[in-house]
């Protein structure tokens, strides 16, 4: 059970990173940074395709969904393995 709890903690940490990452990139762009490498020359000269936003959104949504499913699975295993009182 310790492995499942460690896995649950790791998945929760990964979920926080996936959810917070867009805010960190946006904050870096706002203060004049490169958006963690998204726009190497800054926001003023950033060239992206029309589908970049949707592609990034889709990847982040898929990652959050898969990680969330892993969290639910771990919670299910923990609930099943706990003896009834």
C-alpha atoms as a PDB file:
ATOM      1  CA  UNK A   1       0.000   0.000   0.000  1.00  0.00           C
ATOM      2  CA  UNK A   2       2.929   2.308   0.542  1.00  0.00           C
ATOM      3  CA  UNK A   3       3.713   2.128  -3.178  1.00  0.00           C
ATOM      4  CA  UNK A   4       0.165   3.198  -4.081  1.00  0.00           C
ATOM      5  CA  UNK A   5       0.354   6.127  -1.658  1.00  0.00           C
ATOM      6  CA  UNK A   6       3.707   7.246  -3.070  1.00  0.00           C
ATOM      7  CA  UNK A   7       2.297   6.891  -6.589  1.00  0.00           C
ATOM      8  CA  UNK A   8      -0.745   8.940  -5.552  1.00  0.00           C
ATOM      9  CA  UNK A   9       1.508  11.697  -4.189  1.00  0.00           C
ATOM     10  CA  UNK A  10       3.571  11.712  -7.377  1.00  0.00           C
ATOM     11  CA  UNK A  11       0.466  11.908  -9.540  1.00  0.00           C
ATOM     12  CA  UNK A  12      -0.914  14.748  -7.437  1.00  0.00           C
ATOM     13  CA  UNK A  13       2.369  16.649  -7.804  1.00  0.00           C
ATOM     14  CA  UNK A  14       2.346  16.069 -11.574  1.00  0.00           C
ATOM     15  CA  UNK A  15      -1.234  17.331 -11.776  1.00  0.00           C
ATOM     16  CA  UNK A  16      -0.281  20.534  -9.952  1.00  0.00           C
ATOM     17  CA  UNK A  17       2.610  21.092 -12.380  1.00  0.00           C
ATOM     18  CA  UNK A  18       0.381  20.533 -15.434  1.00  0.00           C
ATOM     19  CA  UNK A  19      -2.254  22.937 -14.121  1.00  0.00           C
ATOM     20  CA  UNK A  20       0.182  25.664 -12.975  1.00  0.00           C
ATOM     21  CA  UNK A  21       2.565  25.520 -15.967  1.00  0.00           C
ATOM     22  CA  UNK A  22       0.475  27.746 -18.309  1.00  0.00           C
ATOM     23  CA  UNK A  23       0.268  30.438 -15.621  1.00  0.00           C
ATOM     24  CA  UNK A  24       4.043  30.345 -15.107  1.00  0.00           C
ATOM     25  CA  UNK A  25       4.664  30.654 -18.861  1.00  0.00           C
ATOM     26  CA  UNK A  26       2.222  33.557 -19.131  1.00  0.00           C
ATOM     27  CA  UNK A  27       3.765  35.329 -16.150  1.00  0.00           C
ATOM     28  CA  UNK A  28       7.238  34.911 -17.651  1.00  0.00           C
ATOM     29  CA  UNK A  29       6.035  36.396 -20.957  1.00  0.00           C
ATOM     30  CA  UNK A  30       4.364  39.336 -19.224  1.00  0.00           C
ATOM     31  CA  UNK A  31       7.546  40.356 -17.390  1.00  0.00           C
ATOM     32  CA  UNK A  32       9.553  40.280 -20.625  1.00  0.00           C
ATOM     33  CA  UNK A  33      10.885  36.726 -20.583  1.00  0.00           C
ATOM     34  CA  UNK A  34      10.807  34.056 -23.261  1.00  0.00           C
ATOM     35  CA  UNK A  35       7.876  32.104 -21.823  1.00  0.00           C
ATOM     36  CA  UNK A  36      10.217  29.301 -20.769  1.00  0.00           C
ATOM     37  CA  UNK A  37      11.455  29.048 -24.347  1.00  0.00           C
ATOM     38  CA  UNK A  38       8.064  29.311 -26.050  1.00  0.00           C
ATOM     39  CA  UNK A  39       8.974  32.650 -27.665  1.00  0.00           C
ATOM     40  CA  UNK A  40      12.798  32.796 -27.816  1.00  0.00           C
ATOM     41  CA  UNK A  41      12.928  36.479 -28.870  1.00  0.00           C
ATOM     42  CA  UNK A  42      10.207  37.690 -26.538  1.00  0.00           C
ATOM     43  CA  UNK A  43       6.495  38.268 -26.964  1.00  0.00           C
ATOM     44  CA  UNK A  44       6.823  41.081 -29.525  1.00  0.00           C
ATOM     45  CA  UNK A  45       8.440  38.911 -32.175  1.00  0.00           C
ATOM     46  CA  UNK A  46       6.822  35.602 -31.278  1.00  0.00           C
ATOM     47  CA  UNK A  47       5.588  33.757 -34.356  1.00  0.00           C
ATOM     48  CA  UNK A  48       3.310  30.779 -33.912  1.00  0.00           C
ATOM     49  CA  UNK A  49       0.895  28.948 -36.148  1.00  0.00           C
ATOM     50  CA  UNK A  50      -2.868  29.286 -35.888  1.00  0.00           C
ATOM     51  CA  UNK A  51      -3.175  25.921 -34.158  1.00  0.00           C
ATOM     52  CA  UNK A  52      -0.488  26.337 -31.485  1.00  0.00           C
ATOM     53  CA  UNK A  53      -2.903  27.410 -28.743  1.00  0.00           C
ATOM     54  CA  UNK A  54      -5.335  24.587 -29.447  1.00  0.00           C
ATOM     55  CA  UNK A  55      -2.503  22.074 -29.672  1.00  0.00           C
ATOM     56  CA  UNK A  56      -1.066  23.134 -26.310  1.00  0.00           C
ATOM     57  CA  UNK A  57      -4.520  23.201 -24.746  1.00  0.00           C
ATOM     58  CA  UNK A  58      -5.272  19.723 -26.056  1.00  0.00           C
ATOM     59  CA  UNK A  59      -1.999  18.298 -24.767  1.00  0.00           C
ATOM     60  CA  UNK A  60      -2.459  19.852 -21.326  1.00  0.00           C
ATOM     61  CA  UNK A  61      -6.089  18.697 -21.141  1.00  0.00           C
ATOM     62  CA  UNK A  62      -5.110  15.165 -22.164  1.00  0.00           C
ATOM     63  CA  UNK A  63      -2.299  15.095 -19.620  1.00  0.00           C
ATOM     64  CA  UNK A  64      -4.581  16.377 -16.840  1.00  0.00           C
ATOM     65  CA  UNK A  65      -7.242  13.809 -17.768  1.00  0.00           C
ATOM     66  CA  UNK A  66      -4.789  10.899 -17.769  1.00  0.00           C
ATOM     67  CA  UNK A  67      -3.210  11.985 -14.487  1.00  0.00           C
ATOM     68  CA  UNK A  68      -6.671  12.484 -12.972  1.00  0.00           C
ATOM     69  CA  UNK A  69      -7.641   8.961 -14.065  1.00  0.00           C
ATOM     70  CA  UNK A  70      -4.504   7.664 -12.377  1.00  0.00           C
ATOM     71  CA  UNK A  71      -5.433   9.486  -9.169  1.00  0.00           C
ATOM     72  CA  UNK A  72      -8.937   8.002  -9.263  1.00  0.00           C
ATOM     73  CA  UNK A  73      -7.468   4.547  -9.876  1.00  0.00           C
ATOM     74  CA  UNK A  74      -5.083   4.884  -6.928  1.00  0.00           C
ATOM     75  CA  UNK A  75      -7.900   6.060  -4.674  1.00  0.00           C
ATOM     76  CA  UNK A  76      -9.997   3.097  -5.801  1.00  0.00           C
ATOM     77  CA  UNK A  77      -7.187   0.665  -4.966  1.00  0.00           C
ATOM     78  CA  UNK A  78      -6.668   2.279  -1.566  1.00  0.00           C
ATOM     79  CA  UNK A  79     -10.399   2.176  -0.799  1.00  0.00           C
ATOM     80  CA  UNK A  80     -10.622  -1.509  -1.786  1.00  0.00           C
ATOM     81  CA  UNK A  81      -7.595  -2.519   0.268  1.00  0.00           C
ATOM     82  CA  UNK A  82      -8.694  -0.784   3.484  1.00  0.00           C
ATOM     83  CA  UNK A  83     -10.457  -3.254   5.797  1.00  0.00           C
ATOM     84  CA  UNK A  84     -14.056  -2.454   6.730  1.00  0.00           C
ATOM     85  CA  UNK A  85     -14.687  -1.410  10.321  1.00  0.00           C
END
